[in-house]
Every structure is written in structure tokens, then in C-alpha cells.
């Protein structure tokens, strides 16, 4: 019997200087979307975003 293991993780999103300093960066939003899908597909649970 294979047991599913879930891990709690924090993710770190990096702001690129090319995005400027106005509001939340599009690159940050894109990183969150990609990482959220990856974590859901790999039994990982996001507990915090840095």
C-alpha cells in the first residue's frame, strides 16, 4: 500500500527590477500561479509566500 505524503512549504517569489515599483508585479503574480499549480500537482501545501 502506497501512502500519500503531503509537505507544508513556503515559497519565495522574486521581484524583477524590470517590472518597476508600481503595485504587485505581473511577474510575481505569474510566479504564484505557476508555483501553486506545481505544488498542488506534487502533494505540497503552501503555508506562506515570501
N, C-alpha and C. Protein backbone atom coordinates (compact mmCIF):
# COMPACT_ATOMS: atom_id res chain seq x y z
N UNK A 1 0.85 -1.18 0.00
CA UNK A 1 0.00 0.00 0.00
C UNK A 1 0.89 1.24 0.00
N UNK A 2 0.68 2.13 -0.96
CA UNK A 2 1.45 3.37 -1.06
C UNK A 2 0.70 4.46 -0.31
N UNK A 3 1.40 5.09 0.60
CA UNK A 3 0.81 6.15 1.41
C UNK A 3 1.17 7.51 0.82
N UNK A 4 0.17 8.39 0.67
CA UNK A 4 0.43 9.74 0.18
C UNK A 4 1.01 10.59 1.29
N UNK A 5 2.04 11.32 0.97
CA UNK A 5 2.68 12.21 1.93
C UNK A 5 2.50 13.64 1.44
N UNK A 6 2.03 14.51 2.32
CA UNK A 6 1.88 15.91 1.99
C UNK A 6 2.91 16.72 2.77
N UNK A 7 3.51 17.68 2.11
CA UNK A 7 4.50 18.54 2.74
C UNK A 7 3.97 19.97 2.79
N UNK A 8 4.25 20.67 3.88
CA UNK A 8 3.94 22.09 4.01
C UNK A 8 5.19 22.87 3.62
N UNK A 9 5.03 23.83 2.71
CA UNK A 9 6.18 24.58 2.21
C UNK A 9 5.88 26.07 2.15
N UNK A 10 6.92 26.85 2.17
CA UNK A 10 6.84 28.28 1.91
C UNK A 10 7.47 28.54 0.56
N UNK A 11 6.94 29.51 -0.17
CA UNK A 11 7.53 29.83 -1.47
C UNK A 11 8.09 31.24 -1.43
N UNK A 12 9.10 31.45 -2.25
CA UNK A 12 9.75 32.76 -2.34
C UNK A 12 9.61 33.24 -3.77
N UNK A 13 8.95 34.37 -3.95
CA UNK A 13 8.80 34.97 -5.27
C UNK A 13 9.71 36.19 -5.35
N UNK A 14 10.39 36.31 -6.47
CA UNK A 14 11.37 37.38 -6.62
C UNK A 14 10.81 38.45 -7.55
N UNK A 15 10.92 39.70 -7.12
CA UNK A 15 10.51 40.85 -7.93
C UNK A 15 11.65 41.23 -8.86
N UNK A 16 11.36 41.29 -10.14
CA UNK A 16 12.38 41.67 -11.11
C UNK A 16 12.39 43.18 -11.26
N UNK A 17 13.57 43.76 -11.35
CA UNK A 17 13.71 45.21 -11.45
C UNK A 17 13.05 45.78 -12.69
N UNK A 18 12.97 45.01 -13.75
CA UNK A 18 12.35 45.48 -14.99
C UNK A 18 10.86 45.76 -14.83
N UNK A 19 10.26 45.23 -13.76
CA UNK A 19 8.82 45.41 -13.55
C UNK A 19 8.48 46.76 -12.93
N UNK A 20 9.46 47.50 -12.47
CA UNK A 20 9.19 48.79 -11.86
C UNK A 20 8.74 48.64 -10.42
N UNK A 21 8.28 49.74 -9.83
CA UNK A 21 7.92 49.75 -8.41
C UNK A 21 6.44 50.00 -8.16
N UNK A 22 5.59 49.79 -9.16
CA UNK A 22 4.17 50.12 -9.01
C UNK A 22 3.37 48.85 -8.71
N UNK A 23 2.76 48.77 -7.52
CA UNK A 23 1.88 47.66 -7.18
C UNK A 23 2.57 46.31 -7.22
N UNK A 24 1.75 45.26 -7.16
CA UNK A 24 2.30 43.90 -7.22
C UNK A 24 2.65 43.59 -8.67
N UNK A 25 3.83 43.13 -8.86
CA UNK A 25 4.36 42.86 -10.19
C UNK A 25 3.62 41.75 -10.90
N UNK A 26 3.50 41.87 -12.22
CA UNK A 26 2.94 40.80 -13.03
C UNK A 26 3.79 39.55 -12.92
N UNK A 27 5.10 39.72 -12.78
CA UNK A 27 5.97 38.55 -12.67
C UNK A 27 5.72 37.83 -11.35
N UNK A 28 5.41 38.56 -10.29
CA UNK A 28 5.10 37.95 -9.00
C UNK A 28 3.81 37.14 -9.13
N UNK A 29 2.81 37.71 -9.75
CA UNK A 29 1.54 37.01 -9.93
C UNK A 29 1.74 35.74 -10.75
N UNK A 30 2.52 35.83 -11.81
CA UNK A 30 2.79 34.67 -12.66
C UNK A 30 3.53 33.59 -11.88
N UNK A 31 4.51 33.98 -11.08
CA UNK A 31 5.25 33.01 -10.27
C UNK A 31 4.31 32.29 -9.30
N UNK A 32 3.42 33.03 -8.66
CA UNK A 32 2.48 32.43 -7.71
C UNK A 32 1.58 31.40 -8.41
N UNK A 33 1.09 31.73 -9.61
CA UNK A 33 0.22 30.82 -10.35
C UNK A 33 0.96 29.54 -10.73
N UNK A 34 2.17 29.68 -11.25
CA UNK A 34 2.96 28.52 -11.66
C UNK A 34 3.31 27.65 -10.47
N UNK A 35 3.76 28.28 -9.37
CA UNK A 35 4.13 27.51 -8.18
C UNK A 35 2.93 26.85 -7.53
N UNK A 36 1.79 27.53 -7.50
CA UNK A 36 0.59 26.95 -6.91
C UNK A 36 0.20 25.67 -7.65
N UNK A 37 0.22 25.72 -8.98
CA UNK A 37 -0.12 24.52 -9.76
C UNK A 37 0.91 23.41 -9.52
N UNK A 38 2.18 23.75 -9.52
CA UNK A 38 3.23 22.75 -9.29
C UNK A 38 3.05 22.08 -7.93
N UNK A 39 2.80 22.87 -6.90
CA UNK A 39 2.66 22.32 -5.56
C UNK A 39 1.43 21.43 -5.43
N UNK A 40 0.33 21.84 -6.02
CA UNK A 40 -0.88 21.01 -5.98
C UNK A 40 -0.66 19.68 -6.70
N UNK A 41 0.08 19.72 -7.81
CA UNK A 41 0.36 18.51 -8.59
C UNK A 41 1.34 17.57 -7.89
N UNK A 42 2.07 18.08 -6.89
CA UNK A 42 3.13 17.30 -6.25
C UNK A 42 2.95 17.12 -4.75
N UNK A 43 1.70 17.15 -4.29
CA UNK A 43 1.37 16.91 -2.87
C UNK A 43 2.09 17.87 -1.92
N UNK A 44 2.19 19.12 -2.30
CA UNK A 44 2.80 20.15 -1.46
C UNK A 44 1.74 21.18 -1.10
N UNK A 45 1.78 21.67 0.12
CA UNK A 45 0.81 22.65 0.59
C UNK A 45 1.54 23.95 0.93
N UNK A 46 1.12 25.03 0.31
CA UNK A 46 1.74 26.34 0.54
C UNK A 46 1.24 26.90 1.88
N UNK A 47 2.17 27.16 2.80
CA UNK A 47 1.79 27.73 4.08
C UNK A 47 2.10 29.22 4.17
N UNK A 48 3.03 29.68 3.33
CA UNK A 48 3.36 31.11 3.33
C UNK A 48 4.05 31.47 2.03
N UNK A 49 3.91 32.74 1.63
CA UNK A 49 4.57 33.25 0.43
C UNK A 49 5.45 34.42 0.85
N UNK A 50 6.68 34.35 0.44
CA UNK A 50 7.65 35.40 0.79
C UNK A 50 8.07 36.16 -0.44
